[in-house]
N, C-alpha and C. Protein backbone atom coordinates (compact mmCIF):
# COMPACT_ATOMS: atom_id res chain seq x y z
N UNK A 1 21.92 96.55 115.63
CA UNK A 1 22.91 95.51 115.49
C UNK A 1 23.79 95.52 116.73
N UNK A 2 23.90 94.39 117.41
CA UNK A 2 24.72 94.28 118.61
C UNK A 2 26.18 94.12 118.27
N UNK A 3 27.01 94.01 119.33
CA UNK A 3 28.45 93.88 119.15
C UNK A 3 28.82 92.62 118.38
N UNK A 4 28.11 91.53 118.59
CA UNK A 4 28.41 90.28 117.91
C UNK A 4 27.81 90.17 116.52
N UNK A 5 27.00 91.16 116.12
CA UNK A 5 26.31 91.11 114.83
C UNK A 5 27.03 91.95 113.77
N UNK A 6 28.31 91.76 113.64
CA UNK A 6 29.09 92.52 112.68
C UNK A 6 29.25 91.70 111.40
N UNK A 7 29.02 92.35 110.27
CA UNK A 7 29.23 91.69 108.98
C UNK A 7 30.72 91.44 108.80
N UNK A 8 31.12 90.27 108.27
CA UNK A 8 32.55 89.99 108.06
C UNK A 8 33.22 91.02 107.17
N UNK A 9 32.51 91.60 106.21
CA UNK A 9 33.10 92.60 105.32
C UNK A 9 33.37 93.92 106.02
N UNK A 10 32.75 94.12 107.19
CA UNK A 10 32.94 95.37 107.93
C UNK A 10 34.10 95.29 108.92
N UNK A 11 34.69 94.13 109.11
CA UNK A 11 35.79 93.98 110.05
C UNK A 11 37.06 94.58 109.47
N UNK A 12 37.83 95.18 110.32
CA UNK A 12 39.11 95.75 109.92
C UNK A 12 40.21 94.90 110.52
N UNK A 13 41.43 95.08 110.10
CA UNK A 13 42.55 94.27 110.58
C UNK A 13 42.63 94.20 112.09
N UNK A 14 42.80 93.00 112.63
CA UNK A 14 42.97 92.81 114.06
C UNK A 14 41.68 92.59 114.83
N UNK A 15 40.54 92.89 114.26
CA UNK A 15 39.28 92.70 114.95
C UNK A 15 38.80 91.27 114.76
N UNK A 16 38.12 90.74 115.75
CA UNK A 16 37.59 89.40 115.70
C UNK A 16 36.10 89.47 115.95
N UNK A 17 35.33 88.79 115.13
CA UNK A 17 33.88 88.76 115.32
C UNK A 17 33.58 87.90 116.53
N UNK A 18 32.87 88.43 117.50
CA UNK A 18 32.53 87.70 118.71
C UNK A 18 31.39 86.75 118.46
N UNK A 19 31.34 85.69 119.22
CA UNK A 19 30.26 84.70 119.20
C UNK A 19 30.12 83.98 117.87
N UNK A 20 31.17 83.94 117.07
CA UNK A 20 31.12 83.19 115.81
C UNK A 20 31.56 81.76 116.09
N UNK A 21 30.77 80.78 115.67
CA UNK A 21 31.16 79.40 115.93
C UNK A 21 32.41 79.03 115.11
N UNK A 22 33.40 78.46 115.79
CA UNK A 22 34.63 78.08 115.12
C UNK A 22 34.55 76.69 114.52
N UNK A 23 33.63 75.87 115.01
CA UNK A 23 33.48 74.51 114.52
C UNK A 23 32.35 74.48 113.50
N UNK A 24 32.63 74.09 112.25
CA UNK A 24 31.55 74.02 111.26
C UNK A 24 30.58 72.89 111.59
N UNK A 25 29.41 72.96 111.02
CA UNK A 25 28.42 71.90 111.22
C UNK A 25 28.97 70.59 110.68
N UNK A 26 28.55 69.48 111.26
CA UNK A 26 29.04 68.17 110.85
C UNK A 26 28.70 67.93 109.38
N UNK A 27 29.70 67.50 108.63
CA UNK A 27 29.52 67.23 107.21
C UNK A 27 30.15 65.88 106.89
N UNK A 28 29.62 65.24 105.87
CA UNK A 28 30.18 63.98 105.40
C UNK A 28 31.35 64.31 104.49
N UNK A 29 32.47 63.62 104.68
CA UNK A 29 33.66 63.86 103.86
C UNK A 29 34.24 62.54 103.38
N UNK A 30 35.10 62.62 102.39
CA UNK A 30 35.88 61.47 101.96
C UNK A 30 37.15 61.47 102.79
N UNK A 31 37.60 60.30 103.22
CA UNK A 31 38.88 60.25 103.93
C UNK A 31 40.03 60.17 102.93
N UNK A 32 41.25 60.20 103.43
CA UNK A 32 42.44 60.24 102.58
C UNK A 32 42.52 59.02 101.66
N UNK A 33 42.22 57.84 102.18
CA UNK A 33 42.28 56.61 101.37
C UNK A 33 41.27 56.67 100.22
N UNK A 34 40.06 57.12 100.52
CA UNK A 34 39.03 57.22 99.48
C UNK A 34 39.43 58.23 98.41
N UNK A 35 39.96 59.37 98.83
CA UNK A 35 40.39 60.38 97.86
C UNK A 35 41.56 59.88 97.02
N UNK A 36 42.49 59.12 97.62
CA UNK A 36 43.60 58.54 96.85
C UNK A 36 43.07 57.63 95.75
N UNK A 37 42.10 56.80 96.06
CA UNK A 37 41.52 55.89 95.07
C UNK A 37 40.78 56.67 93.97
N UNK A 38 40.00 57.66 94.38
CA UNK A 38 39.23 58.45 93.40
C UNK A 38 40.18 59.22 92.49
N UNK A 39 41.18 59.88 93.07
CA UNK A 39 42.11 60.66 92.26
C UNK A 39 43.00 59.78 91.40
N UNK A 40 43.25 58.54 91.81
CA UNK A 40 43.97 57.60 90.95
C UNK A 40 43.22 57.34 89.66
N UNK A 41 41.93 57.03 89.79
CA UNK A 41 41.08 56.83 88.61
C UNK A 41 40.97 58.12 87.81
N UNK A 42 40.76 59.24 88.50
CA UNK A 42 40.62 60.53 87.82
C UNK A 42 41.87 60.84 87.00
N UNK A 43 43.04 60.61 87.56
CA UNK A 43 44.28 60.88 86.85
C UNK A 43 44.42 60.04 85.59
N UNK A 44 44.05 58.76 85.67
CA UNK A 44 44.11 57.90 84.48
C UNK A 44 43.15 58.38 83.40
N UNK A 45 41.95 58.79 83.79
CA UNK A 45 40.96 59.24 82.82
C UNK A 45 41.34 60.59 82.20
N UNK A 46 41.97 61.46 82.97
CA UNK A 46 42.45 62.73 82.43
C UNK A 46 43.57 62.46 81.44
N UNK A 47 44.50 61.56 81.79
CA UNK A 47 45.60 61.22 80.89
C UNK A 47 45.08 60.61 79.58
N UNK A 48 43.97 59.88 79.66
CA UNK A 48 43.38 59.28 78.47
C UNK A 48 42.54 60.29 77.68
N UNK A 49 42.33 61.49 78.24
CA UNK A 49 41.56 62.52 77.55
C UNK A 49 40.06 62.38 77.70
N UNK A 50 39.60 61.53 78.62
CA UNK A 50 38.16 61.30 78.77
C UNK A 50 37.51 62.25 79.77
N UNK A 51 38.23 62.62 80.82
CA UNK A 51 37.72 63.53 81.83
C UNK A 51 38.59 64.78 81.85
N UNK A 52 37.97 65.93 82.18
CA UNK A 52 38.74 67.17 82.17
C UNK A 52 38.61 68.00 83.44
N UNK A 53 37.59 67.78 84.23
CA UNK A 53 37.39 68.62 85.41
C UNK A 53 36.65 67.84 86.48
N UNK A 54 36.71 68.34 87.71
CA UNK A 54 35.99 67.70 88.81
C UNK A 54 35.52 68.75 89.80
N UNK A 55 34.62 68.34 90.69
CA UNK A 55 34.15 69.19 91.79
C UNK A 55 33.90 68.29 92.98
N UNK A 56 34.18 68.79 94.16
CA UNK A 56 33.92 68.04 95.39
C UNK A 56 33.00 68.87 96.26
N UNK A 57 31.92 68.24 96.72
CA UNK A 57 30.98 68.90 97.61
C UNK A 57 30.85 68.08 98.88
N UNK A 58 31.00 68.73 100.03
CA UNK A 58 30.81 68.08 101.32
C UNK A 58 29.54 68.65 101.94
N UNK A 59 28.48 67.86 101.92
CA UNK A 59 27.18 68.28 102.41
C UNK A 59 26.90 67.62 103.76
N UNK A 60 25.80 67.97 104.38
CA UNK A 60 25.47 67.38 105.68
C UNK A 60 25.16 65.89 105.57
N UNK A 61 24.48 65.49 104.49
CA UNK A 61 24.05 64.10 104.38
C UNK A 61 24.92 63.26 103.45
N UNK A 62 25.78 63.88 102.63
CA UNK A 62 26.61 63.10 101.72
C UNK A 62 27.79 63.92 101.21
N UNK A 63 28.80 63.21 100.74
CA UNK A 63 29.94 63.82 100.06
C UNK A 63 29.84 63.42 98.60
N UNK A 64 30.12 64.35 97.70
CA UNK A 64 29.96 64.09 96.27
C UNK A 64 31.21 64.52 95.52
N UNK A 65 31.75 63.60 94.71
CA UNK A 65 32.85 63.90 93.80
C UNK A 65 32.26 63.81 92.41
N UNK A 66 32.16 64.94 91.72
CA UNK A 66 31.56 64.98 90.38
C UNK A 66 32.65 65.07 89.33
N UNK A 67 32.49 64.31 88.24
CA UNK A 67 33.47 64.32 87.15
C UNK A 67 32.82 64.90 85.91
N UNK A 68 33.57 65.75 85.22
CA UNK A 68 33.05 66.44 84.04
C UNK A 68 33.91 66.14 82.81
N UNK A 69 33.26 66.07 81.68
CA UNK A 69 33.99 65.99 80.42
C UNK A 69 34.47 67.39 80.05
N UNK A 70 33.61 68.39 80.29
CA UNK A 70 33.97 69.80 80.14
C UNK A 70 33.39 70.54 81.35
N UNK A 71 34.04 71.61 81.74
CA UNK A 71 33.63 72.32 82.95
C UNK A 71 32.23 72.93 82.85
N UNK A 72 31.76 73.22 81.65
CA UNK A 72 30.47 73.89 81.49
C UNK A 72 29.30 72.90 81.39
N UNK A 73 29.56 71.63 81.50
CA UNK A 73 28.50 70.62 81.36
C UNK A 73 28.04 70.11 82.71
N UNK A 74 27.04 69.24 82.67
CA UNK A 74 26.63 68.51 83.86
C UNK A 74 27.64 67.39 84.09
N UNK A 75 27.79 66.92 85.32
CA UNK A 75 28.77 65.86 85.55
C UNK A 75 28.38 64.56 84.84
N UNK A 76 29.39 63.88 84.27
CA UNK A 76 29.08 62.60 83.62
C UNK A 76 28.94 61.50 84.66
N UNK A 77 29.62 61.64 85.79
CA UNK A 77 29.48 60.72 86.91
C UNK A 77 29.56 61.48 88.21
N UNK A 78 28.82 60.98 89.22
CA UNK A 78 28.93 61.47 90.58
C UNK A 78 29.26 60.29 91.48
N UNK A 79 30.34 60.42 92.23
CA UNK A 79 30.70 59.40 93.20
C UNK A 79 30.21 59.94 94.54
N UNK A 80 29.24 59.26 95.14
CA UNK A 80 28.61 59.77 96.35
C UNK A 80 28.86 58.85 97.54
N UNK A 81 29.06 59.48 98.68
CA UNK A 81 29.20 58.74 99.94
C UNK A 81 28.11 59.26 100.87
N UNK A 82 27.20 58.39 101.24
CA UNK A 82 26.07 58.77 102.08
C UNK A 82 26.08 57.92 103.34
N UNK A 83 26.16 58.56 104.49
CA UNK A 83 26.22 57.82 105.74
C UNK A 83 24.88 57.19 106.09
N UNK A 84 23.80 57.81 105.63
CA UNK A 84 22.46 57.27 105.92
C UNK A 84 22.28 55.87 105.32
N UNK A 85 22.84 55.63 104.15
CA UNK A 85 22.66 54.36 103.46
C UNK A 85 23.74 53.33 103.79
N UNK A 86 24.68 53.67 104.65
CA UNK A 86 25.83 52.82 104.92
C UNK A 86 25.43 51.43 105.41
N UNK A 87 24.45 51.33 106.26
CA UNK A 87 24.08 50.03 106.82
C UNK A 87 23.22 49.20 105.87
N UNK A 88 22.34 49.85 105.14
CA UNK A 88 21.41 49.10 104.30
C UNK A 88 21.97 48.80 102.92
N UNK A 89 22.12 49.81 102.09
CA UNK A 89 22.50 49.60 100.69
C UNK A 89 23.98 49.82 100.43
N UNK A 90 24.67 50.38 101.38
CA UNK A 90 26.08 50.71 101.21
C UNK A 90 26.25 52.20 101.10
N UNK A 91 27.34 52.70 101.63
CA UNK A 91 27.57 54.15 101.68
C UNK A 91 27.90 54.74 100.32
N UNK A 92 28.43 53.93 99.40
CA UNK A 92 28.93 54.46 98.14
C UNK A 92 27.97 54.18 96.99
N UNK A 93 27.79 55.18 96.15
CA UNK A 93 27.02 54.98 94.93
C UNK A 93 27.65 55.79 93.81
N UNK A 94 27.59 55.23 92.61
CA UNK A 94 28.08 55.88 91.40
C UNK A 94 26.84 56.20 90.57
N UNK A 95 26.65 57.48 90.27
CA UNK A 95 25.45 57.93 89.57
C UNK A 95 25.86 58.54 88.23
N UNK A 96 25.18 58.13 87.16
CA UNK A 96 25.50 58.64 85.82
C UNK A 96 24.84 60.01 85.61
N UNK A 97 25.11 60.63 84.48
CA UNK A 97 24.56 61.95 84.16
C UNK A 97 23.04 61.93 84.07
N UNK A 98 22.47 60.80 83.70
CA UNK A 98 21.02 60.69 83.58
C UNK A 98 20.34 60.40 84.91
N UNK A 99 21.11 60.18 85.98
CA UNK A 99 20.55 59.87 87.28
C UNK A 99 20.49 58.39 87.57
N UNK A 100 20.91 57.56 86.62
CA UNK A 100 20.93 56.12 86.80
C UNK A 100 22.04 55.73 87.77
N UNK A 101 21.71 54.90 88.75
CA UNK A 101 22.72 54.42 89.69
C UNK A 101 23.46 53.27 89.03
N UNK A 102 24.72 53.51 88.68
CA UNK A 102 25.55 52.53 88.00
C UNK A 102 25.96 51.42 88.96
N UNK A 103 26.34 51.80 90.17
CA UNK A 103 26.79 50.82 91.16
C UNK A 103 26.56 51.39 92.55
N UNK A 104 26.15 50.54 93.47
CA UNK A 104 25.97 50.93 94.87
C UNK A 104 26.53 49.81 95.73
N UNK A 105 27.21 50.18 96.79
CA UNK A 105 27.75 49.14 97.65
C UNK A 105 28.41 49.66 98.90
N UNK A 106 28.93 48.72 99.68
CA UNK A 106 29.57 49.04 100.95
C UNK A 106 31.04 49.42 100.78
N UNK A 107 31.61 49.14 99.61
CA UNK A 107 33.01 49.47 99.34
C UNK A 107 33.12 50.35 98.11
N UNK A 108 34.14 51.19 98.09
CA UNK A 108 34.33 52.15 97.00
C UNK A 108 34.93 51.53 95.75
N UNK A 109 35.90 50.62 95.91
CA UNK A 109 36.64 50.08 94.77
C UNK A 109 35.78 49.41 93.70
N UNK A 110 34.81 48.57 94.03
CA UNK A 110 33.98 47.98 92.96
C UNK A 110 33.22 49.04 92.15
N UNK A 111 32.80 50.10 92.78
CA UNK A 111 32.12 51.17 92.05
C UNK A 111 33.06 51.88 91.10
N UNK A 112 34.28 52.13 91.55
CA UNK A 112 35.26 52.78 90.68
C UNK A 112 35.63 51.88 89.51
N UNK A 113 35.71 50.57 89.75
CA UNK A 113 36.00 49.64 88.65
C UNK A 113 34.86 49.65 87.63
N UNK A 114 33.63 49.81 88.08
CA UNK A 114 32.48 49.86 87.17
C UNK A 114 32.58 51.07 86.24
N UNK A 115 33.03 52.19 86.75
CA UNK A 115 33.20 53.39 85.92
C UNK A 115 34.36 53.17 84.96
N UNK A 116 35.43 52.60 85.45
CA UNK A 116 36.63 52.40 84.66
C UNK A 116 36.35 51.50 83.45
N UNK A 117 35.55 50.47 83.65
CA UNK A 117 35.23 49.53 82.57
C UNK A 117 34.17 50.10 81.62
N UNK A 118 33.25 50.91 82.14
CA UNK A 118 32.13 51.36 81.32
C UNK A 118 32.56 52.30 80.21
N UNK A 119 33.69 52.97 80.33
CA UNK A 119 34.12 53.89 79.30
C UNK A 119 35.14 53.30 78.33
N UNK A 120 35.55 52.05 78.57
CA UNK A 120 36.55 51.46 77.69
C UNK A 120 35.92 50.96 76.40
N UNK A 121 36.71 50.95 75.34
CA UNK A 121 36.23 50.52 74.02
C UNK A 121 36.32 49.00 73.94
N UNK A 122 35.26 48.37 73.47
CA UNK A 122 35.23 46.93 73.33
C UNK A 122 35.30 46.58 71.85
N UNK A 123 36.30 45.80 71.51
CA UNK A 123 36.44 45.37 70.10
C UNK A 123 35.70 44.05 69.93
N UNK A 124 34.94 43.93 68.90
CA UNK A 124 34.15 42.73 68.76
C UNK A 124 34.33 42.16 67.43
């Protein structure tokens, strides 16, 4: 093992691992405006008792905001932003727990409205 091949757990106070890249690999992320919109909907659904937990994943090809009814379950919805699909089908897609694409488009708001309406009770 060379000088730069030190395990992070073996470092002691004040030591710096040499040759470690400081810049992470490029990842797709949600910007502040997108997160404000998503958390606005999330807050309303939590207040209504419909959603209880979330997870955010920033991957190389997409960013995913997953919503859970309970933390131990599969997500009931995934809000995905994929840069690869931005020009053709739109960067944003809303995917249900079964894998069905509820909404796909170039803007986030119509997809969030589709989720917001799909869980409301309709009196007939």
